[in-house]
Amino acid sequence: MVKKDGGQLIVIIVLIVLLLGALGYISFAKYSAWKQNSQLSIFQQGAQYGSEQIIRYIAQQAGPGSCQQVPLNVENQTISLIAVECLNVAQ
C-alpha cells in the first residue's frame, strides 16, 4: 500500500512540474510578443518623426520665404523643388 501512495505522489509532482513548465513557457512567449510589439511601436514612432522632420525641412528650404531650389536625390534621379509662389513672382 505504501508504494501505491508513493507512486501517486510522484505522478502529482511530475504533473506540477509540467504545469509550471507550461505556464513558464506561455508567460515567456507572451512577454516576448509584448516586448516585440513595444519595440515595433517605438520604431514606427521614430520613422514617423523622421518623415515629419524631413518634410518640414524641405518646406522651409523651398518655401515662398526663401525661393531656393531644393535638390532631392532618389537612387539615380535628382529633381529640384521650388515653391509655385516663387515661380509666379518671377514671371
PDB file of N, CA and C in Angstrom:
ATOM      1  N   MET A   1       0.792  -1.190   0.000  1.00  0.00           N
ATOM      2  CA  MET A   1       0.000   0.000   0.000  1.00  0.00           C
ATOM      3  C   MET A   1       0.838   1.260   0.000  1.00  0.00           C
ATOM      4  N   VAL A   2       1.959   1.241   0.642  1.00  0.00           N
ATOM      5  CA  VAL A   2       2.810   2.417   0.723  1.00  0.00           C
ATOM      6  C   VAL A   2       3.337   2.778  -0.666  1.00  0.00           C
ATOM      7  N   LYS A   3       3.675   1.778  -1.468  1.00  0.00           N
ATOM      8  CA  LYS A   3       4.202   2.049  -2.800  1.00  0.00           C
ATOM      9  C   LYS A   3       3.150   2.703  -3.681  1.00  0.00           C
ATOM     10  N   LYS A   4       1.908   2.349  -3.529  1.00  0.00           N
ATOM     11  CA  LYS A   4       0.848   2.918  -4.348  1.00  0.00           C
ATOM     12  C   LYS A   4       0.710   4.414  -4.058  1.00  0.00           C
ATOM     13  N   ASP A   5       0.736   4.791  -2.805  1.00  0.00           N
ATOM     14  CA  ASP A   5       0.652   6.204  -2.439  1.00  0.00           C
ATOM     15  C   ASP A   5       1.895   6.955  -2.901  1.00  0.00           C
ATOM     16  N   GLY A   6       3.037   6.325  -2.814  1.00  0.00           N
ATOM     17  CA  GLY A   6       4.282   6.943  -3.284  1.00  0.00           C
ATOM     18  C   GLY A   6       4.259   7.159  -4.781  1.00  0.00           C
ATOM     19  N   GLY A   7       3.662   6.222  -5.520  1.00  0.00           N
ATOM     20  CA  GLY A   7       3.543   6.364  -6.971  1.00  0.00           C
ATOM     21  C   GLY A   7       2.629   7.518  -7.349  1.00  0.00           C
ATOM     22  N   GLN A   8       1.553   7.675  -6.593  1.00  0.00           N
ATOM     23  CA  GLN A   8       0.642   8.792  -6.849  1.00  0.00           C
ATOM     24  C   GLN A   8       1.332  10.123  -6.557  1.00  0.00           C
ATOM     25  N   LEU A   9       2.148  10.142  -5.525  1.00  0.00           N
ATOM     26  CA  LEU A   9       2.877  11.355  -5.169  1.00  0.00           C
ATOM     27  C   LEU A   9       3.846  11.742  -6.289  1.00  0.00           C
ATOM     28  N   ILE A  10       4.525  10.758  -6.836  1.00  0.00           N
ATOM     29  CA  ILE A  10       5.457  11.023  -7.940  1.00  0.00           C
ATOM     30  C   ILE A  10       4.699  11.569  -9.150  1.00  0.00           C
ATOM     31  N   VAL A  11       3.555  10.982  -9.468  1.00  0.00           N
ATOM     32  CA  VAL A  11       2.743  11.439 -10.600  1.00  0.00           C
ATOM     33  C   VAL A  11       2.291  12.882 -10.366  1.00  0.00           C
ATOM     34  N   ILE A  12       1.861  13.192  -9.142  1.00  0.00           N
ATOM     35  CA  ILE A  12       1.417  14.549  -8.824  1.00  0.00           C
ATOM     36  C   ILE A  12       2.582  15.534  -8.962  1.00  0.00           C
ATOM     37  N   ILE A  13       3.744  15.167  -8.467  1.00  0.00           N
ATOM     38  CA  ILE A  13       4.925  16.037  -8.574  1.00  0.00           C
ATOM     39  C   ILE A  13       5.288  16.262 -10.040  1.00  0.00           C
ATOM     40  N   VAL A  14       5.272  15.209 -10.835  1.00  0.00           N
ATOM     41  CA  VAL A  14       5.588  15.334 -12.270  1.00  0.00           C
ATOM     42  C   VAL A  14       4.568  16.246 -12.954  1.00  0.00           C
ATOM     43  N   LEU A  15       3.282  16.075 -12.633  1.00  0.00           N
ATOM     44  CA  LEU A  15       2.252  16.926 -13.228  1.00  0.00           C
ATOM     45  C   LEU A  15       2.425  18.392 -12.823  1.00  0.00           C
ATOM     46  N   ILE A  16       2.789  18.634 -11.565  1.00  0.00           N
ATOM     47  CA  ILE A  16       3.020  20.010 -11.109  1.00  0.00           C
ATOM     48  C   ILE A  16       4.212  20.621 -11.838  1.00  0.00           C
ATOM     49  N   VAL A  17       5.280  19.843 -11.988  1.00  0.00           N
ATOM     50  CA  VAL A  17       6.464  20.338 -12.703  1.00  0.00           C
ATOM     51  C   VAL A  17       6.108  20.640 -14.158  1.00  0.00           C
ATOM     52  N   LEU A  18       5.344  19.772 -14.803  1.00  0.00           N
ATOM     53  CA  LEU A  18       4.935  20.006 -16.188  1.00  0.00           C
ATOM     54  C   LEU A  18       4.028  21.240 -16.291  1.00  0.00           C
ATOM     55  N   LEU A  19       3.130  21.407 -15.320  1.00  0.00           N
ATOM     56  CA  LEU A  19       2.250  22.583 -15.311  1.00  0.00           C
ATOM     57  C   LEU A  19       3.062  23.862 -15.156  1.00  0.00           C
ATOM     58  N   LEU A  20       4.013  23.860 -14.232  1.00  0.00           N
ATOM     59  CA  LEU A  20       4.867  25.034 -14.047  1.00  0.00           C
ATOM     60  C   LEU A  20       5.693  25.317 -15.296  1.00  0.00           C
ATOM     61  N   GLY A  21       6.186  24.280 -15.943  1.00  0.00           N
ATOM     62  CA  GLY A  21       6.939  24.451 -17.189  1.00  0.00           C
ATOM     63  C   GLY A  21       6.066  25.056 -18.284  1.00  0.00           C
ATOM     64  N   ALA A  22       4.837  24.557 -18.404  1.00  0.00           N
ATOM     65  CA  ALA A  22       3.919  25.086 -19.425  1.00  0.00           C
ATOM     66  C   ALA A  22       3.572  26.543 -19.136  1.00  0.00           C
ATOM     67  N   LEU A  23       3.299  26.864 -17.871  1.00  0.00           N
ATOM     68  CA  LEU A  23       2.993  28.248 -17.508  1.00  0.00           C
ATOM     69  C   LEU A  23       4.191  29.166 -17.755  1.00  0.00           C
ATOM     70  N   GLY A  24       5.390  28.687 -17.457  1.00  0.00           N
ATOM     71  CA  GLY A  24       6.601  29.470 -17.720  1.00  0.00           C
ATOM     72  C   GLY A  24       6.792  29.722 -19.204  1.00  0.00           C
ATOM     73  N   TYR A  25       6.558  28.693 -20.002  1.00  0.00           N
ATOM     74  CA  TYR A  25       6.706  28.833 -21.453  1.00  0.00           C
ATOM     75  C   TYR A  25       5.684  29.825 -22.017  1.00  0.00           C
ATOM     76  N   ILE A  26       4.437  29.711 -21.585  1.00  0.00           N
ATOM     77  CA  ILE A  26       3.388  30.620 -22.059  1.00  0.00           C
ATOM     78  C   ILE A  26       3.691  32.050 -21.629  1.00  0.00           C
ATOM     79  N   SER A  27       4.125  32.222 -20.383  1.00  0.00           N
ATOM     80  CA  SER A  27       4.464  33.553 -19.888  1.00  0.00           C
ATOM     81  C   SER A  27       5.611  34.157 -20.691  1.00  0.00           C
ATOM     82  N   PHE A  28       6.632  33.374 -20.965  1.00  0.00           N
ATOM     83  CA  PHE A  28       7.772  33.860 -21.742  1.00  0.00           C
ATOM     84  C   PHE A  28       7.347  34.234 -23.156  1.00  0.00           C
ATOM     85  N   ALA A  29       6.489  33.440 -23.776  1.00  0.00           N
ATOM     86  CA  ALA A  29       6.015  33.732 -25.128  1.00  0.00           C
ATOM     87  C   ALA A  29       5.202  35.023 -25.144  1.00  0.00           C
ATOM     88  N   LYS A  30       4.339  35.210 -24.157  1.00  0.00           N
ATOM     89  CA  LYS A  30       3.539  36.435 -24.067  1.00  0.00           C
ATOM     90  C   LYS A  30       4.438  37.649 -23.839  1.00  0.00           C
ATOM     91  N   TYR A  31       5.417  37.522 -22.955  1.00  0.00           N
ATOM     92  CA  TYR A  31       6.343  38.624 -22.680  1.00  0.00           C
ATOM     93  C   TYR A  31       7.144  38.968 -23.932  1.00  0.00           C
ATOM     94  N   SER A  32       7.618  37.958 -24.649  1.00  0.00           N
ATOM     95  CA  SER A  32       8.387  38.199 -25.871  1.00  0.00           C
ATOM     96  C   SER A  32       7.544  38.921 -26.912  1.00  0.00           C
ATOM     97  N   ALA A  33       6.290  38.523 -27.069  1.00  0.00           N
ATOM     98  CA  ALA A  33       5.398  39.182 -28.025  1.00  0.00           C
ATOM     99  C   ALA A  33       5.138  40.626 -27.605  1.00  0.00           C
ATOM    100  N   TRP A  34       4.923  40.861 -26.317  1.00  0.00           N
ATOM    101  CA  TRP A  34       4.699  42.212 -25.823  1.00  0.00           C
ATOM    102  C   TRP A  34       5.923  43.082 -26.054  1.00  0.00           C
ATOM    103  N   LYS A  35       7.106  42.544 -25.769  1.00  0.00           N
ATOM    104  CA  LYS A  35       8.360  43.287 -25.951  1.00  0.00           C
ATOM    105  C   LYS A  35       8.568  43.626 -27.424  1.00  0.00           C
ATOM    106  N   GLN A  36       8.292  42.687 -28.317  1.00  0.00           N
ATOM    107  CA  GLN A  36       8.462  42.919 -29.749  1.00  0.00           C
ATOM    108  C   GLN A  36       7.480  43.991 -30.230  1.00  0.00           C
ATOM    109  N   ASN A  37       6.242  43.946 -29.773  1.00  0.00           N
ATOM    110  CA  ASN A  37       5.259  44.962 -30.153  1.00  0.00           C
ATOM    111  C   ASN A  37       5.666  46.336 -29.634  1.00  0.00           C
ATOM    112  N   SER A  38       6.221  46.383 -28.444  1.00  0.00           N
ATOM    113  CA  SER A  38       6.685  47.641 -27.875  1.00  0.00           C
ATOM    114  C   SER A  38       7.818  48.226 -28.711  1.00  0.00           C
ATOM    115  N   GLN A  39       8.773  47.391 -29.097  1.00  0.00           N
ATOM    116  CA  GLN A  39       9.892  47.850 -29.911  1.00  0.00           C
ATOM    117  C   GLN A  39       9.423  48.277 -31.298  1.00  0.00           C
ATOM    118  N   LEU A  40       8.464  47.569 -31.867  1.00  0.00           N
ATOM    119  CA  LEU A  40       7.918  47.936 -33.170  1.00  0.00           C
ATOM    120  C   LEU A  40       7.226  49.289 -33.097  1.00  0.00           C
ATOM    121  N   SER A  41       6.497  49.524 -32.025  1.00  0.00           N
ATOM    122  CA  SER A  41       5.818  50.803 -31.838  1.00  0.00           C
ATOM    123  C   SER A  41       6.824  51.944 -31.749  1.00  0.00           C
ATOM    124  N   ILE A  42       7.903  51.742 -31.018  1.00  0.00           N
ATOM    125  CA  ILE A  42       8.943  52.767 -30.898  1.00  0.00           C
ATOM    126  C   ILE A  42       9.587  53.021 -32.257  1.00  0.00           C
ATOM    127  N   PHE A  43       9.858  51.968 -33.015  1.00  0.00           N
ATOM    128  CA  PHE A  43      10.443  52.107 -34.344  1.00  0.00           C
ATOM    129  C   PHE A  43       9.511  52.903 -35.260  1.00  0.00           C
ATOM    130  N   GLN A  44       8.214  52.584 -35.231  1.00  0.00           N
ATOM    131  CA  GLN A  44       7.247  53.288 -36.082  1.00  0.00           C
ATOM    132  C   GLN A  44       7.138  54.758 -35.698  1.00  0.00           C
ATOM    133  N   GLN A  45       7.173  55.052 -34.407  1.00  0.00           N
ATOM    134  CA  GLN A  45       7.126  56.440 -33.961  1.00  0.00           C
ATOM    135  C   GLN A  45       8.361  57.199 -34.440  1.00  0.00           C
ATOM    136  N   GLY A  46       9.516  56.559 -34.404  1.00  0.00           N
ATOM    137  CA  GLY A  46      10.748  57.188 -34.882  1.00  0.00           C
ATOM    138  C   GLY A  46      10.701  57.442 -36.375  1.00  0.00           C
ATOM    139  N   ALA A  47      10.178  56.488 -37.136  1.00  0.00           N
ATOM    140  CA  ALA A  47      10.064  56.670 -38.581  1.00  0.00           C
ATOM    141  C   ALA A  47       9.089  57.794 -38.903  1.00  0.00           C
ATOM    142  N   GLN A  48       7.985  57.870 -38.170  1.00  0.00           N
ATOM    143  CA  GLN A  48       7.008  58.944 -38.367  1.00  0.00           C
ATOM    144  C   GLN A  48       7.635  60.299 -38.059  1.00  0.00           C
ATOM    145  N   TYR A  49       8.366  60.379 -36.964  1.00  0.00           N
ATOM    146  CA  TYR A  49       9.018  61.633 -36.578  1.00  0.00           C
ATOM    147  C   TYR A  49      10.038  62.057 -37.638  1.00  0.00           C
ATOM    148  N   GLY A  50      10.819  61.109 -38.125  1.00  0.00           N
ATOM    149  CA  GLY A  50      11.806  61.416 -39.160  1.00  0.00           C
ATOM    150  C   GLY A  50      11.149  61.917 -40.437  1.00  0.00           C
ATOM    151  N   SER A  51      10.048  61.305 -40.823  1.00  0.00           N
ATOM    152  CA  SER A  51       9.322  61.740 -42.019  1.00  0.00           C
ATOM    153  C   SER A  51       8.811  63.162 -41.864  1.00  0.00           C
ATOM    154  N   GLU A  52       8.254  63.462 -40.701  1.00  0.00           N
ATOM    155  CA  GLU A  52       7.754  64.812 -40.453  1.00  0.00           C
ATOM    156  C   GLU A  52       8.876  65.841 -40.492  1.00  0.00           C
ATOM    157  N   GLN A  53      10.016  65.483 -39.936  1.00  0.00           N
ATOM    158  CA  GLN A  53      11.137  66.422 -39.898  1.00  0.00           C
ATOM    159  C   GLN A  53      11.677  66.719 -41.298  1.00  0.00           C
ATOM    160  N   ILE A  54      11.779  65.706 -42.147  1.00  0.00           N
ATOM    161  CA  ILE A  54      12.310  65.940 -43.490  1.00  0.00           C
ATOM    162  C   ILE A  54      11.331  66.756 -44.325  1.00  0.00           C
ATOM    163  N   ILE A  55      10.041  66.547 -44.122  1.00  0.00           N
ATOM    164  CA  ILE A  55       9.048  67.338 -44.857  1.00  0.00           C
ATOM    165  C   ILE A  55       9.105  68.797 -44.396  1.00  0.00           C
ATOM    166  N   ARG A  56       9.246  69.022 -43.091  1.00  0.00           N
ATOM    167  CA  ARG A  56       9.392  70.395 -42.588  1.00  0.00           C
ATOM    168  C   ARG A  56      10.638  71.057 -43.155  1.00  0.00           C
ATOM    169  N   TYR A  57      11.734  70.327 -43.188  1.00  0.00           N
ATOM    170  CA  TYR A  57      12.991  70.872 -43.714  1.00  0.00           C
ATOM    171  C   TYR A  57      12.836  71.269 -45.181  1.00  0.00           C
ATOM    172  N   ILE A  58      12.253  70.393 -45.978  1.00  0.00           N
ATOM    173  CA  ILE A  58      12.067  70.684 -47.405  1.00  0.00           C
ATOM    174  C   ILE A  58      11.138  71.885 -47.581  1.00  0.00           C
ATOM    175  N   ALA A  59      10.074  71.930 -46.793  1.00  0.00           N
ATOM    176  CA  ALA A  59       9.136  73.052 -46.887  1.00  0.00           C
ATOM    177  C   ALA A  59       9.815  74.364 -46.509  1.00  0.00           C
ATOM    178  N   GLN A  60      10.689  74.351 -45.522  1.00  0.00           N
ATOM    179  CA  GLN A  60      11.395  75.565 -45.126  1.00  0.00           C
ATOM    180  C   GLN A  60      12.395  75.995 -46.190  1.00  0.00           C
ATOM    181  N   GLN A  61      13.082  75.027 -46.793  1.00  0.00           N
ATOM    182  CA  GLN A  61      14.103  75.353 -47.790  1.00  0.00           C
ATOM    183  C   GLN A  61      13.489  75.849 -49.090  1.00  0.00           C
ATOM    184  N   ALA A  62      12.385  75.256 -49.511  1.00  0.00           N
ATOM    185  CA  ALA A  62      11.788  75.592 -50.796  1.00  0.00           C
ATOM    186  C   ALA A  62      10.590  76.518 -50.657  1.00  0.00           C
ATOM    187  N   GLY A  63      10.276  76.937 -49.452  1.00  0.00           N
ATOM    188  CA  GLY A  63       9.079  77.735 -49.221  1.00  0.00           C
ATOM    189  C   GLY A  63       9.145  79.113 -49.855  1.00  0.00           C
ATOM    190  N   PRO A  64       8.011  79.803 -49.883  1.00  0.00           N
ATOM    191  CA  PRO A  64       7.932  81.118 -50.520  1.00  0.00           C
ATOM    192  C   PRO A  64       8.844  82.151 -49.866  1.00  0.00           C
ATOM    193  N   GLY A  65       9.237  81.957 -48.628  1.00  0.00           N
ATOM    194  CA  GLY A  65      10.121  82.919 -47.970  1.00  0.00           C
ATOM    195  C   GLY A  65      11.536  82.890 -48.505  1.00  0.00           C
ATOM    196  N   SER A  66      12.013  81.728 -48.936  1.00  0.00           N
ATOM    197  CA  SER A  66      13.399  81.625 -49.391  1.00  0.00           C
ATOM    198  C   SER A  66      13.507  81.532 -50.911  1.00  0.00           C
ATOM    199  N   CYS A  67      12.541  80.939 -51.549  1.00  0.00           N
ATOM    200  CA  CYS A  67      12.521  80.769 -53.016  1.00  0.00           C
ATOM    201  C   CYS A  67      13.805  80.120 -53.544  1.00  0.00           C
ATOM    202  N   GLN A  68      14.320  79.136 -52.822  1.00  0.00           N
ATOM    203  CA  GLN A  68      15.502  78.407 -53.277  1.00  0.00           C
ATOM    204  C   GLN A  68      15.083  77.051 -53.822  1.00  0.00           C
ATOM    205  N   GLN A  69      15.833  76.582 -54.795  1.00  0.00           N
ATOM    206  CA  GLN A  69      15.602  75.229 -55.300  1.00  0.00           C
ATOM    207  C   GLN A  69      16.205  74.241 -54.309  1.00  0.00           C
ATOM    208  N   VAL A  70      15.476  73.175 -54.065  1.00  0.00           N
ATOM    209  CA  VAL A  70      15.950  72.137 -53.161  1.00  0.00           C
ATOM    210  C   VAL A  70      16.135  70.856 -53.970  1.00  0.00           C
ATOM    211  N   PRO A  71      17.376  70.390 -54.115  1.00  0.00           N
ATOM    212  CA  PRO A  71      17.591  69.151 -54.863  1.00  0.00           C
ATOM    213  C   PRO A  71      17.222  67.928 -54.022  1.00  0.00           C
ATOM    214  N   LEU A  72      16.495  67.014 -54.630  1.00  0.00           N
ATOM    215  CA  LEU A  72      16.146  65.746 -53.984  1.00  0.00           C
ATOM    216  C   LEU A  72      16.755  64.615 -54.805  1.00  0.00           C
ATOM    217  N   ASN A  73      17.529  63.780 -54.139  1.00  0.00           N
ATOM    218  CA  ASN A  73      18.169  62.652 -54.806  1.00  0.00           C
ATOM    219  C   ASN A  73      17.487  61.367 -54.366  1.00  0.00           C
ATOM    220  N   VAL A  74      16.962  60.622 -55.334  1.00  0.00           N
ATOM    221  CA  VAL A  74      16.350  59.326 -55.073  1.00  0.00           C
ATOM    222  C   VAL A  74      16.993  58.340 -56.026  1.00  0.00           C
ATOM    223  N   GLU A  75      17.764  57.425 -55.458  1.00  0.00           N
ATOM    224  CA  GLU A  75      18.537  56.455 -56.231  1.00  0.00           C
ATOM    225  C   GLU A  75      19.384  57.195 -57.262  1.00  0.00           C
ATOM    226  N   ASN A  76      19.132  57.029 -58.553  1.00  0.00           N
ATOM    227  CA  ASN A  76      19.954  57.675 -59.579  1.00  0.00           C
ATOM    228  C   ASN A  76      19.293  58.909 -60.174  1.00  0.00           C
ATOM    229  N   GLN A  77      18.207  59.365 -59.581  1.00  0.00           N
ATOM    230  CA  GLN A  77      17.486  60.507 -60.118  1.00  0.00           C
ATOM    231  C   GLN A  77      17.589  61.691 -59.165  1.00  0.00           C
ATOM    232  N   THR A  78      17.709  62.880 -59.750  1.00  0.00           N
ATOM    233  CA  THR A  78      17.728  64.106 -58.968  1.00  0.00           C
ATOM    234  C   THR A  78      16.677  65.046 -59.531  1.00  0.00           C
ATOM    235  N   ILE A  79      15.850  65.575 -58.642  1.00  0.00           N
ATOM    236  CA  ILE A  79      14.870  66.579 -59.050  1.00  0.00           C
ATOM    237  C   ILE A  79      15.052  67.796 -58.155  1.00  0.00           C
ATOM    238  N   SER A  80      14.641  68.954 -58.649  1.00  0.00           N
ATOM    239  CA  SER A  80      14.722  70.177 -57.864  1.00  0.00           C
ATOM    240  C   SER A  80      13.319  70.670 -57.569  1.00  0.00           C
ATOM    241  N   LEU A  81      13.094  71.011 -56.309  1.00  0.00           N
ATOM    242  CA  LEU A  81      11.798  71.533 -55.896  1.00  0.00           C
ATOM    243  C   LEU A  81      11.916  73.032 -55.652  1.00  0.00           C
ATOM    244  N   ILE A  82      10.854  73.750 -56.009  1.00  0.00           N
ATOM    245  CA  ILE A  82      10.750  75.170 -55.707  1.00  0.00           C
ATOM    246  C   ILE A  82       9.270  75.470 -55.517  1.00  0.00           C
ATOM    247  N   ALA A  83       8.962  76.402 -54.644  1.00  0.00           N
ATOM    248  CA  ALA A  83       7.574  76.738 -54.371  1.00  0.00           C
ATOM    249  C   ALA A  83       6.935  77.377 -55.599  1.00  0.00           C
ATOM    250  N   VAL A  84       5.704  77.040 -55.857  1.00  0.00           N
ATOM    251  CA  VAL A  84       4.967  77.589 -57.001  1.00  0.00           C
ATOM    252  C   VAL A  84       4.849  79.102 -56.867  1.00  0.00           C
ATOM    253  N   GLU A  85       4.685  79.593 -55.648  1.00  0.00           N
ATOM    254  CA  GLU A  85       4.581  81.031 -55.430  1.00  0.00           C
ATOM    255  C   GLU A  85       5.817  81.753 -55.924  1.00  0.00           C
ATOM    256  N   CYS A  86       6.975  81.136 -55.797  1.00  0.00           N
ATOM    257  CA  CYS A  86       8.225  81.755 -56.266  1.00  0.00           C
ATOM    258  C   CYS A  86       8.267  81.824 -57.790  1.00  0.00           C
ATOM    259  N   LEU A  87       7.681  80.853 -58.459  1.00  0.00           N
ATOM    260  CA  LEU A  87       7.644  80.861 -59.916  1.00  0.00           C
ATOM    261  C   LEU A  87       6.708  81.969 -60.409  1.00  0.00           C
ATOM    262  N   ASN A  88       5.604  82.158 -59.721  1.00  0.00           N
ATOM    263  CA  ASN A  88       4.667  83.196 -60.107  1.00  0.00           C
ATOM    264  C   ASN A  88       5.263  84.592 -59.922  1.00  0.00           C
ATOM    265  N   VAL A  89       6.085  84.814 -58.901  1.00  0.00           N
ATOM    266  CA  VAL A  89       6.734  86.085 -58.665  1.00  0.00           C
ATOM    267  C   VAL A  89       7.753  86.372 -59.744  1.00  0.00           C
ATOM    268  N   ALA A  90       8.461  85.352 -60.195  1.00  0.00           N
ATOM    269  CA  ALA A  90       9.496  85.538 -61.215  1.00  0.00           C
ATOM    270  C   ALA A  90       8.905  85.954 -62.552  1.00  0.00           C
ATOM    271  N   GLN A  91       7.693  85.556 -62.839  1.00  0.00           N
ATOM    272  CA  GLN A  91       7.082  85.898 -64.109  1.00  0.00           C
ATOM    273  C   GLN A  91       6.563  87.296 -64.032  1.00  0.00           C
TER     274      GLN A  91
END
